[in-house]
C-alpha atoms as a PDB file:
ATOM      1  CA  MET A   1     -15.329  15.048  -2.471  1.00  0.00           C
ATOM      2  CA  LYS A   2     -13.926  14.475  -5.940  1.00  0.00           C
ATOM      3  CA  ILE A   3     -12.093  11.213  -6.620  1.00  0.00           C
ATOM      4  CA  ALA A   4      -9.963  10.462  -9.690  1.00  0.00           C
ATOM      5  CA  LEU A   5     -10.001   6.829 -10.866  1.00  0.00           C
ATOM      6  CA  ILE A   6      -7.160   5.870 -13.187  1.00  0.00           C
ATOM      7  CA  GLN A   7      -7.288   3.293 -15.951  1.00  0.00           C
ATOM      8  CA  PHE A   8      -3.694   2.416 -16.825  1.00  0.00           C
ATOM      9  CA  GLU A   9      -2.185   0.212 -19.510  1.00  0.00           C
ATOM     10  CA  THR A  10       0.047  -2.314 -17.779  1.00  0.00           C
ATOM     11  CA  LYS A  11       3.301  -3.210 -19.476  1.00  0.00           C
ATOM     12  CA  ILE A  12       5.866  -5.730 -18.306  1.00  0.00           C
ATOM     13  CA  ARG A  13       9.362  -4.424 -17.360  1.00  0.00           C
ATOM     14  CA  GLN A  14       8.557  -0.738 -17.754  1.00  0.00           C
ATOM     15  CA  ASP A  15      11.228   1.873 -17.277  1.00  0.00           C
ATOM     16  CA  PHE A  16      10.853   3.708 -13.941  1.00  0.00           C
ATOM     17  CA  SER A  17      11.163   7.176 -15.484  1.00  0.00           C
ATOM     18  CA  ALA A  18       8.547   6.439 -18.160  1.00  0.00           C
ATOM     19  CA  ILE A  19       5.928   5.094 -15.777  1.00  0.00           C
ATOM     20  CA  SER A  20       6.619   7.736 -13.132  1.00  0.00           C
ATOM     21  CA  ASN A  21       6.140  10.479 -15.761  1.00  0.00           C
ATOM     22  CA  TRP A  22       2.747   8.970 -16.731  1.00  0.00           C
ATOM     23  CA  ILE A  23       1.745   8.894 -13.073  1.00  0.00           C
ATOM     24  CA  ILE A  24       2.765  12.542 -12.582  1.00  0.00           C
ATOM     25  CA  ASP A  25       0.656  13.467 -15.629  1.00  0.00           C
ATOM     26  CA  PHE A  26      -2.346  11.648 -14.145  1.00  0.00           C
ATOM     27  CA  ILE A  27      -1.826  13.392 -10.791  1.00  0.00           C
ATOM     28  CA  LYS A  28      -1.712  16.776 -12.550  1.00  0.00           C
ATOM     29  CA  LYS A  29      -4.977  15.991 -14.360  1.00  0.00           C
ATOM     30  CA  ALA A  30      -6.610  14.942 -11.097  1.00  0.00           C
ATOM     31  CA  LYS A  31      -5.417  18.113  -9.334  1.00  0.00           C
ATOM     32  CA  LYS A  32      -6.686  20.268 -12.231  1.00  0.00           C
ATOM     33  CA  GLU A  33     -10.133  18.731 -11.638  1.00  0.00           C
ATOM     34  CA  ASN A  34      -9.851  19.487  -7.878  1.00  0.00           C
ATOM     35  CA  SER A  35      -9.729  15.816  -6.901  1.00  0.00           C
ATOM     36  CA  LYS A  36      -8.927  15.067  -3.278  1.00  0.00           C
ATOM     37  CA  LEU A  37      -8.043  11.407  -3.911  1.00  0.00           C
ATOM     38  CA  ILE A  38      -6.454   9.587  -6.848  1.00  0.00           C
ATOM     39  CA  CYS A  39      -6.765   5.789  -7.139  1.00  0.00           C
ATOM     40  CA  PHE A  40      -4.503   3.716  -9.364  1.00  0.00           C
ATOM     41  CA  PRO A  41      -5.448   0.171 -10.464  1.00  0.00           C
ATOM     42  CA  GLU A  42      -4.228  -3.122  -9.064  1.00  0.00           C
ATOM     43  CA  ASP A  43      -0.874  -4.432 -10.354  1.00  0.00           C
ATOM     44  CA  PHE A  44      -0.436  -1.568 -12.824  1.00  0.00           C
ATOM     45  CA  TRP A  45       3.267  -0.922 -12.107  1.00  0.00           C
ATOM     46  CA  PHE A  46       4.686  -4.388 -12.775  1.00  0.00           C
ATOM     47  CA  GLY A  47       1.717  -6.329 -14.111  1.00  0.00           C
ATOM     48  CA  PRO A  48       1.283  -9.996 -13.209  1.00  0.00           C
ATOM     49  CA  LEU A  49       4.414 -11.493 -11.669  1.00  0.00           C
ATOM     50  CA  ASP A  50       3.944 -14.644 -13.775  1.00  0.00           C
ATOM     51  CA  TYR A  51       6.147 -12.997 -16.436  1.00  0.00           C
ATOM     52  CA  TYR A  52       9.181 -12.502 -14.197  1.00  0.00           C
ATOM     53  CA  SER A  53      12.008 -14.771 -13.040  1.00  0.00           C
ATOM     54  CA  ASN A  54      12.344 -15.724  -9.355  1.00  0.00           C
ATOM     55  CA  LYS A  55      15.277 -13.318  -9.051  1.00  0.00           C
ATOM     56  CA  GLU A  56      13.206 -10.454 -10.500  1.00  0.00           C
ATOM     57  CA  ILE A  57      10.250 -11.311  -8.225  1.00  0.00           C
ATOM     58  CA  LYS A  58      12.506 -11.124  -5.177  1.00  0.00           C
ATOM     59  CA  LYS A  59      13.637  -7.591  -6.150  1.00  0.00           C
ATOM     60  CA  ILE A  60      10.102  -6.473  -7.062  1.00  0.00           C
ATOM     61  CA  THR A  61       8.507  -7.691  -3.824  1.00  0.00           C
ATOM     62  CA  THR A  62      11.141  -6.200  -1.529  1.00  0.00           C
ATOM     63  CA  LYS A  63      13.492  -3.513  -2.871  1.00  0.00           C
ATOM     64  CA  PHE A  64      11.551  -2.058  -5.835  1.00  0.00           C
ATOM     65  CA  PHE A  65       8.216  -2.085  -4.028  1.00  0.00           C
ATOM     66  CA  SER A  66       9.693  -0.122  -1.127  1.00  0.00           C
ATOM     67  CA  GLN A  67      11.286   2.455  -3.434  1.00  0.00           C
ATOM     68  CA  ILE A  68       8.048   2.933  -5.379  1.00  0.00           C
ATOM     69  CA  ILE A  69       5.906   3.401  -2.261  1.00  0.00           C
ATOM     70  CA  ASN A  70       8.410   5.974  -0.946  1.00  0.00           C
ATOM     71  CA  TRP A  71       8.210   7.722  -4.326  1.00  0.00           C
ATOM     72  CA  PHE A  72       4.374   7.783  -4.082  1.00  0.00           C
ATOM     73  CA  CYS A  73       4.635   9.250  -0.567  1.00  0.00           C
ATOM     74  CA  HIS A  74       6.848  12.009  -1.939  1.00  0.00           C
ATOM     75  CA  GLN A  75       4.390  12.714  -4.793  1.00  0.00           C
ATOM     76  CA  ALA A  76       1.417  12.859  -2.410  1.00  0.00           C
ATOM     77  CA  LYS A  77       3.204  15.475  -0.291  1.00  0.00           C
ATOM     78  CA  ARG A  78       4.620  17.398  -3.256  1.00  0.00           C
ATOM     79  CA  CYS A  79       1.228  17.593  -4.982  1.00  0.00           C
ATOM     80  CA  SER A  80      -0.899  17.726  -1.800  1.00  0.00           C
ATOM     81  CA  ILE A  81      -3.205  14.893  -2.860  1.00  0.00           C
ATOM     82  CA  ASN A  82      -4.301  11.650  -1.195  1.00  0.00           C
ATOM     83  CA  ILE A  83      -3.196   8.568  -3.152  1.00  0.00           C
ATOM     84  CA  ILE A  84      -4.166   4.912  -3.286  1.00  0.00           C
ATOM     85  CA  PRO A  85      -1.214   3.682  -5.381  1.00  0.00           C
ATOM     86  CA  GLY A  86      -2.785   0.516  -6.773  1.00  0.00           C
ATOM     87  CA  SER A  87      -1.633  -2.724  -5.249  1.00  0.00           C
ATOM     88  CA  PHE A  88       1.715  -4.461  -5.121  1.00  0.00           C
ATOM     89  CA  ILE A  89       2.766  -7.992  -4.336  1.00  0.00           C
ATOM     90  CA  ILE A  90       5.016  -7.731  -1.306  1.00  0.00           C
ATOM     91  CA  LYS A  91       6.996 -10.340   0.568  1.00  0.00           C
ATOM     92  CA  GLU A  92       6.925 -10.366   4.341  1.00  0.00           C
ATOM     93  CA  LYS A  93       8.828 -13.133   6.093  1.00  0.00           C
ATOM     94  CA  ASN A  94       7.998 -16.179   3.953  1.00  0.00           C
ATOM     95  CA  HIS A  95       4.606 -14.965   2.699  1.00  0.00           C
ATOM     96  CA  TYR A  96       3.514 -12.916  -0.295  1.00  0.00           C
ATOM     97  CA  PHE A  97       0.583 -10.481   0.020  1.00  0.00           C
ATOM     98  CA  ASN A  98      -1.281  -8.323  -2.491  1.00  0.00           C
ATOM     99  CA  GLN A  99      -1.217  -5.015  -0.630  1.00  0.00           C
ATOM    100  CA  THR A 100      -2.181  -1.407  -1.134  1.00  0.00           C
ATOM    101  CA  PHE A 101      -1.999   1.729   0.977  1.00  0.00           C
ATOM    102  CA  PHE A 102      -3.785   4.972   1.653  1.00  0.00           C
ATOM    103  CA  ILE A 103      -1.192   7.747   1.493  1.00  0.00           C
ATOM    104  CA  ASN A 104      -2.444  11.078   2.775  1.00  0.00           C
ATOM    105  CA  LYS A 105      -1.666  14.437   1.176  1.00  0.00           C
ATOM    106  CA  ASN A 106       1.164  14.920   3.699  1.00  0.00           C
ATOM    107  CA  GLY A 107       2.942  11.866   2.265  1.00  0.00           C
ATOM    108  CA  LYS A 108       2.215   9.568   5.221  1.00  0.00           C
ATOM    109  CA  ILE A 109       0.893   6.019   4.896  1.00  0.00           C
ATOM    110  CA  ILE A 110      -2.118   6.060   7.189  1.00  0.00           C
ATOM    111  CA  LEU A 111      -3.805   2.764   6.223  1.00  0.00           C
ATOM    112  CA  THR A 112      -2.863  -0.538   4.598  1.00  0.00           C
ATOM    113  CA  HIS A 113      -5.018  -3.159   2.928  1.00  0.00           C
ATOM    114  CA  ARG A 114      -4.146  -6.749   2.053  1.00  0.00           C
ATOM    115  CA  LYS A 115      -6.350  -8.363  -0.541  1.00  0.00           C
ATOM    116  CA  GLN A 116      -8.570 -11.049   0.958  1.00  0.00           C
ATOM    117  CA  LYS A 117     -10.280 -12.503  -2.110  1.00  0.00           C
ATOM    118  CA  LEU A 118      -7.449 -13.680  -4.338  1.00  0.00           C
ATOM    119  CA  VAL A 119      -7.738 -14.769  -7.954  1.00  0.00           C
ATOM    120  CA  PRO A 120      -7.479 -18.566  -8.175  1.00  0.00           C
ATOM    121  CA  PHE A 121      -4.845 -18.663 -10.925  1.00  0.00           C
ATOM    122  CA  GLY A 122      -1.342 -17.456 -11.770  1.00  0.00           C
ATOM    123  CA  PHE A 123       1.208 -16.196  -9.269  1.00  0.00           C
ATOM    124  CA  GLU A 124      -1.465 -14.732  -6.999  1.00  0.00           C
ATOM    125  CA  GLY A 125      -3.499 -17.934  -6.946  1.00  0.00           C
ATOM    126  CA  LYS A 126      -0.469 -20.135  -6.284  1.00  0.00           C
ATOM    127  CA  LYS A 127       1.770 -18.086  -3.985  1.00  0.00           C
ATOM    128  CA  VAL A 128      -0.068 -15.119  -2.434  1.00  0.00           C
ATOM    129  CA  SER A 129      -1.651 -15.338   1.031  1.00  0.00           C
ATOM    130  CA  SER A 130      -4.972 -13.785   1.964  1.00  0.00           C
ATOM    131  CA  GLY A 131      -4.561 -10.783   4.254  1.00  0.00           C
ATOM    132  CA  LYS A 132      -6.142  -9.044   7.225  1.00  0.00           C
ATOM    133  CA  ASN A 133      -6.926  -5.346   7.123  1.00  0.00           C
ATOM    134  CA  ASP A 134      -7.099  -2.198   9.149  1.00  0.00           C
ATOM    135  CA  PHE A 135      -9.600  -0.411   6.896  1.00  0.00           C
ATOM    136  CA  ASP A 136     -12.762  -1.136   4.936  1.00  0.00           C
ATOM    137  CA  VAL A 137     -12.031  -3.600   2.167  1.00  0.00           C
ATOM    138  CA  LEU A 138     -13.984  -1.580  -0.404  1.00  0.00           C
ATOM    139  CA  ALA A 139     -12.336   1.736   0.401  1.00  0.00           C
ATOM    140  CA  GLY A 140      -9.140   0.439  -1.163  1.00  0.00           C
ATOM    141  CA  SER A 141     -10.613  -1.641  -3.959  1.00  0.00           C
ATOM    142  CA  THR A 142     -11.272   0.503  -6.997  1.00  0.00           C
ATOM    143  CA  GLN A 143     -11.525  -2.658  -9.086  1.00  0.00           C
ATOM    144  CA  VAL A 144     -14.617  -3.570  -7.036  1.00  0.00           C
ATOM    145  CA  CYS A 145     -16.184  -0.101  -7.121  1.00  0.00           C
ATOM    146  CA  LEU A 146     -15.423   0.890 -10.721  1.00  0.00           C
ATOM    147  CA  PRO A 147     -18.225  -1.128 -12.362  1.00  0.00           C
ATOM    148  CA  PHE A 148     -20.756   0.754 -10.265  1.00  0.00           C
ATOM    149  CA  TYR A 149     -19.592   4.034 -11.745  1.00  0.00           C
ATOM    150  CA  GLY A 150     -19.071   2.807 -15.294  1.00  0.00           C
ATOM    151  CA  CYS A 151     -15.449   3.948 -15.598  1.00  0.00           C
ATOM    152  CA  LEU A 152     -14.393   1.276 -18.081  1.00  0.00           C
ATOM    153  CA  LYS A 153     -17.359   1.983 -20.320  1.00  0.00           C
ATOM    154  CA  ASN A 154     -16.633   5.703 -20.238  1.00  0.00           C
ATOM    155  CA  LEU A 155     -13.006   5.055 -21.211  1.00  0.00           C
ATOM    156  CA  LYS A 156     -14.017   2.737 -24.088  1.00  0.00           C
ATOM    157  CA  GLN A 157     -12.595  -0.425 -22.483  1.00  0.00           C
ATOM    158  CA  ASN A 158      -8.941  -0.767 -21.526  1.00  0.00           C
ATOM    159  CA  LYS A 159      -7.896   2.699 -22.636  1.00  0.00           C
ATOM    160  CA  GLU A 160      -5.719   4.828 -20.401  1.00  0.00           C
ATOM    161  CA  GLY A 161      -7.412   7.762 -18.823  1.00  0.00           C
ATOM    162  CA  VAL A 162      -8.790   9.555 -15.807  1.00  0.00           C
ATOM    163  CA  ILE A 163     -12.391   9.663 -14.634  1.00  0.00           C
ATOM    164  CA  VAL A 164     -13.090  12.272 -11.970  1.00  0.00           C
ATOM    165  CA  PHE A 165     -16.405  12.138 -10.142  1.00  0.00           C
ATOM    166  CA  ASP A 166     -18.004  13.552  -7.063  1.00  0.00           C
ATOM    167  CA  PHE A 167     -17.947  10.820  -4.470  1.00  0.00           C
ATOM    168  CA  ASN A 168     -21.348   9.354  -3.751  1.00  0.00           C
ATOM    169  CA  LYS A 169     -21.542   6.949  -0.835  1.00  0.00           C
ATOM    170  CA  THR A 170     -24.101   4.799  -2.689  1.00  0.00           C
ATOM    171  CA  ILE A 171     -21.286   3.586  -4.979  1.00  0.00           C
ATOM    172  CA  ILE A 172     -19.554   2.017  -1.976  1.00  0.00           C
ATOM    173  CA  GLU A 173     -22.841   0.679  -0.604  1.00  0.00           C
ATOM    174  CA  ASP A 174     -23.742  -0.945  -3.975  1.00  0.00           C
ATOM    175  CA  ALA A 175     -20.259  -2.426  -4.287  1.00  0.00           C
ATOM    176  CA  ARG A 176     -20.377  -3.711  -0.717  1.00  0.00           C
ATOM    177  CA  ARG A 177     -23.669  -5.550  -1.415  1.00  0.00           C
ATOM    178  CA  ALA A 178     -22.246  -7.089  -4.595  1.00  0.00           C
ATOM    179  CA  TYR A 179     -18.968  -7.949  -2.896  1.00  0.00           C
ATOM    180  CA  GLN A 180     -20.856 -10.014  -0.318  1.00  0.00           C
ATOM    181  CA  LEU A 181     -22.107 -12.233  -3.159  1.00  0.00           C
ATOM    182  CA  PHE A 182     -18.592 -13.498  -3.899  1.00  0.00           C
END
């Protein structure tokens, strides 16, 4: 199975139409390479929430997040590709979570993942709660698996781009062993 891993330049307060056009371009590239799954990086849509006001954070973690996930569901169905749309800080009741989803090619969310190992600084370190999951923690964590493929090196560090590779289960197994160290 071919998987497309996306490296994306995060910008604060991006225009919806600009970022959605970039995403559509990445999806087209992945489809051209016959990828079955496209994975976007953590926090790429909004970037760290440390740069936003409390009012903006409220909109991002409720209204905007919901609209963006619905948009991703539509794109998955329209383009017939499975998508892991990066992660988003969401607010549920009085708790924030860093959450991602597996959206199948029919546009349905079939799995969710809440980050368990949070960074100890910034908004996430201060306000985000650790989550519980209904699928393998590494299946939704491209940031954990990428170093085992060398994606950042291949993209010359922090450049935007797409790496498509044939999935090899040893990547997940290597990442799982390393993940246990932390």
